[in-house]
N, C-alpha and C. Protein backbone atom coordinates (compact mmCIF):
# COMPACT_ATOMS: atom_id res chain seq x y z
N MET A 1 -8.29 8.80 5.94
CA MET A 1 -8.33 8.29 4.59
C MET A 1 -9.27 7.08 4.56
N ASP A 2 -10.13 7.01 3.58
CA ASP A 2 -11.04 5.89 3.45
C ASP A 2 -10.32 4.70 2.84
N THR A 3 -10.63 3.53 3.35
CA THR A 3 -10.07 2.31 2.79
C THR A 3 -10.98 1.85 1.67
N ASP A 4 -10.40 1.58 0.52
CA ASP A 4 -11.16 1.19 -0.66
C ASP A 4 -10.46 0.03 -1.35
N PHE A 5 -10.58 -1.16 -0.80
CA PHE A 5 -10.06 -2.32 -1.51
C PHE A 5 -10.80 -3.57 -1.08
N GLY A 6 -10.72 -4.56 -1.90
CA GLY A 6 -11.37 -5.83 -1.61
C GLY A 6 -10.34 -6.93 -1.56
N LEU A 7 -10.78 -8.13 -1.84
CA LEU A 7 -9.88 -9.28 -1.76
C LEU A 7 -8.73 -9.20 -2.75
N GLU A 8 -8.88 -8.39 -3.80
CA GLU A 8 -7.82 -8.26 -4.80
C GLU A 8 -6.58 -7.60 -4.21
N CYS A 9 -6.73 -6.82 -3.16
CA CYS A 9 -5.60 -6.09 -2.61
C CYS A 9 -5.12 -6.76 -1.33
N ASN A 10 -5.63 -6.37 -0.20
CA ASN A 10 -5.26 -6.92 1.11
C ASN A 10 -3.79 -7.34 1.20
N PRO A 11 -2.88 -6.38 1.21
CA PRO A 11 -1.46 -6.73 1.31
C PRO A 11 -1.17 -7.50 2.60
N LEU A 12 -0.19 -8.38 2.52
CA LEU A 12 0.23 -9.15 3.69
C LEU A 12 1.06 -8.24 4.59
N LEU A 13 0.55 -7.98 5.77
CA LEU A 13 1.22 -7.08 6.72
C LEU A 13 1.40 -7.77 8.06
N PRO A 14 2.49 -7.46 8.75
CA PRO A 14 2.69 -8.01 10.09
C PRO A 14 1.64 -7.47 11.06
N PRO A 15 1.45 -8.12 12.19
CA PRO A 15 0.52 -7.60 13.21
C PRO A 15 0.88 -6.16 13.58
N GLY A 16 -0.12 -5.34 13.76
CA GLY A 16 0.11 -3.95 14.14
C GLY A 16 0.25 -3.00 12.97
N TRP A 17 0.36 -3.54 11.76
CA TRP A 17 0.48 -2.73 10.56
C TRP A 17 -0.87 -2.66 9.86
N THR A 18 -1.19 -1.51 9.27
CA THR A 18 -2.42 -1.36 8.49
C THR A 18 -2.11 -0.61 7.21
N PHE A 19 -3.02 -0.74 6.25
CA PHE A 19 -2.89 -0.02 4.99
C PHE A 19 -4.23 0.60 4.64
N GLU A 20 -4.19 1.87 4.28
CA GLU A 20 -5.38 2.59 3.85
C GLU A 20 -5.17 3.05 2.41
N LEU A 21 -6.24 3.04 1.64
CA LEU A 21 -6.14 3.38 0.22
C LEU A 21 -7.31 4.24 -0.20
N ARG A 22 -7.02 5.28 -0.95
CA ARG A 22 -8.05 6.07 -1.62
C ARG A 22 -7.79 5.89 -3.11
N LEU A 23 -8.74 5.27 -3.79
CA LEU A 23 -8.61 4.96 -5.20
C LEU A 23 -9.57 5.85 -5.98
N SER A 24 -9.12 6.39 -7.10
CA SER A 24 -9.98 7.22 -7.95
C SER A 24 -9.75 6.84 -9.41
N ARG A 25 -10.64 7.32 -10.26
CA ARG A 25 -10.56 7.00 -11.68
C ARG A 25 -10.64 8.31 -12.47
N ASN A 26 -9.75 8.48 -13.45
CA ASN A 26 -9.76 9.72 -14.24
C ASN A 26 -10.70 9.60 -15.43
N ALA A 27 -10.78 10.65 -16.22
CA ALA A 27 -11.70 10.69 -17.36
C ALA A 27 -11.38 9.63 -18.41
N GLN A 28 -10.14 9.20 -18.48
CA GLN A 28 -9.74 8.16 -19.43
C GLN A 28 -10.01 6.75 -18.90
N GLY A 29 -10.51 6.67 -17.67
CA GLY A 29 -10.84 5.38 -17.08
C GLY A 29 -9.69 4.70 -16.36
N GLU A 30 -8.58 5.41 -16.18
CA GLU A 30 -7.41 4.83 -15.53
C GLU A 30 -7.47 5.12 -14.02
N PHE A 31 -7.20 4.12 -13.22
CA PHE A 31 -7.21 4.27 -11.77
C PHE A 31 -5.89 4.86 -11.29
N SER A 32 -5.97 5.61 -10.22
CA SER A 32 -4.79 6.09 -9.50
C SER A 32 -5.19 6.12 -8.03
N GLY A 33 -4.23 6.31 -7.18
CA GLY A 33 -4.58 6.30 -5.77
C GLY A 33 -3.52 6.91 -4.88
N ALA A 34 -3.89 7.00 -3.63
CA ALA A 34 -2.99 7.45 -2.58
C ALA A 34 -3.14 6.44 -1.44
N GLY A 35 -2.03 5.97 -0.94
CA GLY A 35 -2.06 4.98 0.13
C GLY A 35 -1.25 5.42 1.32
N LEU A 36 -1.57 4.83 2.46
CA LEU A 36 -0.87 5.14 3.70
C LEU A 36 -0.64 3.84 4.46
N VAL A 37 0.62 3.54 4.73
CA VAL A 37 0.98 2.38 5.54
C VAL A 37 1.26 2.89 6.95
N ARG A 38 0.63 2.25 7.93
CA ARG A 38 0.81 2.64 9.34
C ARG A 38 1.34 1.46 10.14
N ARG A 39 2.13 1.78 11.15
CA ARG A 39 2.62 0.80 12.11
C ARG A 39 2.19 1.28 13.49
N GLU A 40 1.34 0.49 14.15
CA GLU A 40 0.82 0.86 15.47
C GLU A 40 0.23 2.27 15.44
N GLY A 41 -0.45 2.61 14.34
CA GLY A 41 -1.09 3.90 14.20
C GLY A 41 -0.21 5.03 13.68
N GLN A 42 1.10 4.81 13.63
CA GLN A 42 2.03 5.84 13.17
C GLN A 42 2.24 5.71 11.66
N ALA A 43 2.12 6.81 10.95
CA ALA A 43 2.34 6.81 9.50
C ALA A 43 3.79 6.43 9.21
N MET A 44 3.97 5.41 8.37
CA MET A 44 5.31 4.94 8.00
C MET A 44 5.65 5.25 6.55
N CYS A 45 4.62 5.23 5.68
CA CYS A 45 4.87 5.44 4.26
C CYS A 45 3.62 5.96 3.57
N HIS A 46 3.76 7.07 2.87
CA HIS A 46 2.69 7.60 2.03
C HIS A 46 3.03 7.19 0.60
N LEU A 47 2.11 6.56 -0.07
CA LEU A 47 2.33 6.10 -1.44
C LEU A 47 1.47 6.90 -2.41
N THR A 48 2.08 7.37 -3.48
CA THR A 48 1.34 7.96 -4.59
C THR A 48 1.34 6.90 -5.68
N LEU A 49 0.16 6.56 -6.14
CA LEU A 49 -0.01 5.44 -7.06
C LEU A 49 -0.66 5.91 -8.36
N PRO A 50 0.12 6.53 -9.25
CA PRO A 50 -0.45 7.04 -10.50
C PRO A 50 -0.56 5.94 -11.56
N GLY A 51 -1.48 6.11 -12.47
CA GLY A 51 -1.58 5.25 -13.65
C GLY A 51 -1.55 3.76 -13.37
N LEU A 52 -2.42 3.29 -12.50
CA LEU A 52 -2.39 1.89 -12.11
C LEU A 52 -2.86 0.96 -13.22
N ARG A 53 -4.09 1.05 -13.63
CA ARG A 53 -4.68 0.19 -14.66
C ARG A 53 -6.06 0.74 -15.00
N HIS A 54 -6.67 0.18 -16.03
CA HIS A 54 -8.05 0.53 -16.37
C HIS A 54 -9.04 -0.40 -15.68
N ASN A 55 -8.56 -1.50 -15.19
CA ASN A 55 -9.40 -2.50 -14.52
C ASN A 55 -9.16 -2.40 -13.01
N ARG A 56 -10.24 -2.27 -12.24
CA ARG A 56 -10.11 -2.07 -10.78
C ARG A 56 -9.37 -3.23 -10.11
N ALA A 57 -9.70 -4.46 -10.47
CA ALA A 57 -9.04 -5.62 -9.85
C ALA A 57 -7.54 -5.61 -10.15
N GLN A 58 -7.17 -5.25 -11.36
CA GLN A 58 -5.75 -5.19 -11.71
C GLN A 58 -5.06 -4.03 -10.99
N ALA A 59 -5.78 -2.92 -10.84
CA ALA A 59 -5.22 -1.78 -10.10
C ALA A 59 -4.95 -2.17 -8.65
N LEU A 60 -5.90 -2.88 -8.04
CA LEU A 60 -5.72 -3.28 -6.65
C LEU A 60 -4.59 -4.31 -6.50
N ALA A 61 -4.45 -5.19 -7.47
CA ALA A 61 -3.34 -6.15 -7.44
C ALA A 61 -2.01 -5.41 -7.53
N ALA A 62 -1.94 -4.37 -8.36
CA ALA A 62 -0.71 -3.58 -8.48
C ALA A 62 -0.40 -2.86 -7.17
N VAL A 63 -1.44 -2.35 -6.51
CA VAL A 63 -1.26 -1.69 -5.20
C VAL A 63 -0.71 -2.70 -4.20
N LYS A 64 -1.29 -3.87 -4.15
CA LYS A 64 -0.84 -4.91 -3.22
C LYS A 64 0.64 -5.20 -3.42
N ASN A 65 1.06 -5.37 -4.67
CA ASN A 65 2.46 -5.65 -4.96
C ASN A 65 3.37 -4.51 -4.51
N ARG A 66 2.92 -3.28 -4.73
CA ARG A 66 3.72 -2.12 -4.35
C ARG A 66 3.89 -2.03 -2.84
N VAL A 67 2.80 -2.24 -2.10
CA VAL A 67 2.86 -2.17 -0.64
C VAL A 67 3.75 -3.29 -0.09
N GLU A 68 3.58 -4.49 -0.59
CA GLU A 68 4.39 -5.61 -0.09
C GLU A 68 5.86 -5.44 -0.44
N ALA A 69 6.17 -4.85 -1.60
CA ALA A 69 7.56 -4.59 -1.97
C ALA A 69 8.16 -3.53 -1.04
N TRP A 70 7.38 -2.48 -0.73
CA TRP A 70 7.88 -1.46 0.18
C TRP A 70 8.16 -2.07 1.55
N LEU A 71 7.24 -2.88 2.05
CA LEU A 71 7.41 -3.47 3.36
C LEU A 71 8.62 -4.40 3.40
N ALA A 72 8.82 -5.19 2.35
CA ALA A 72 9.99 -6.08 2.29
C ALA A 72 11.28 -5.27 2.33
N GLU A 73 11.32 -4.16 1.61
CA GLU A 73 12.52 -3.31 1.64
C GLU A 73 12.71 -2.71 3.03
N TRP A 74 11.64 -2.23 3.64
CA TRP A 74 11.73 -1.65 4.97
C TRP A 74 12.23 -2.69 5.97
N GLN A 75 11.70 -3.90 5.89
CA GLN A 75 12.12 -4.96 6.81
C GLN A 75 13.59 -5.31 6.62
N SER A 76 14.07 -5.28 5.37
CA SER A 76 15.48 -5.59 5.14
C SER A 76 16.38 -4.52 5.75
N ARG A 77 15.95 -3.26 5.68
CA ARG A 77 16.72 -2.18 6.31
C ARG A 77 16.62 -2.26 7.82
N ALA A 78 15.45 -2.63 8.33
CA ALA A 78 15.25 -2.73 9.78
C ALA A 78 16.14 -3.82 10.37
N ALA A 79 16.37 -4.88 9.60
CA ALA A 79 17.23 -5.96 10.08
C ALA A 79 18.66 -5.46 10.32
N LEU A 80 19.05 -4.43 9.58
CA LEU A 80 20.39 -3.86 9.74
C LEU A 80 20.45 -2.81 10.86
N GLN A 81 19.25 -2.33 11.28
CA GLN A 81 19.15 -1.31 12.33
C GLN A 81 18.16 -1.82 13.37
N PRO A 82 18.61 -2.53 14.38
CA PRO A 82 17.70 -3.16 15.34
C PRO A 82 16.66 -2.21 15.96
N ALA A 83 16.93 -0.94 16.04
CA ALA A 83 15.96 -0.01 16.63
C ALA A 83 14.69 0.08 15.78
N LEU A 84 14.76 -0.30 14.50
CA LEU A 84 13.58 -0.27 13.63
C LEU A 84 12.84 -1.58 13.60
N ALA A 85 13.41 -2.62 14.17
CA ALA A 85 12.86 -3.98 14.06
C ALA A 85 11.40 -4.05 14.43
N LEU A 86 10.74 -5.04 13.81
CA LEU A 86 9.30 -5.25 14.04
C LEU A 86 9.03 -5.71 15.44
């Protein structure tokens, strides 16, 4: 998957985690995308990101928030299951 984001996105990730994004725009000018969060190269979460925004910077900011929210939830569950810990 090609990474397509700039400073507007760059989600805060722990060491060893990466995020890849494929962003596209439909005929109405609305962005959507598909993202992949990896931990040490292993796919952890596939994100479908429909109807983000008409503005690319706003779309990327929405993606950043979504990825960081997913990671926060994952970390909270991992704290309850030490085998998942970072």
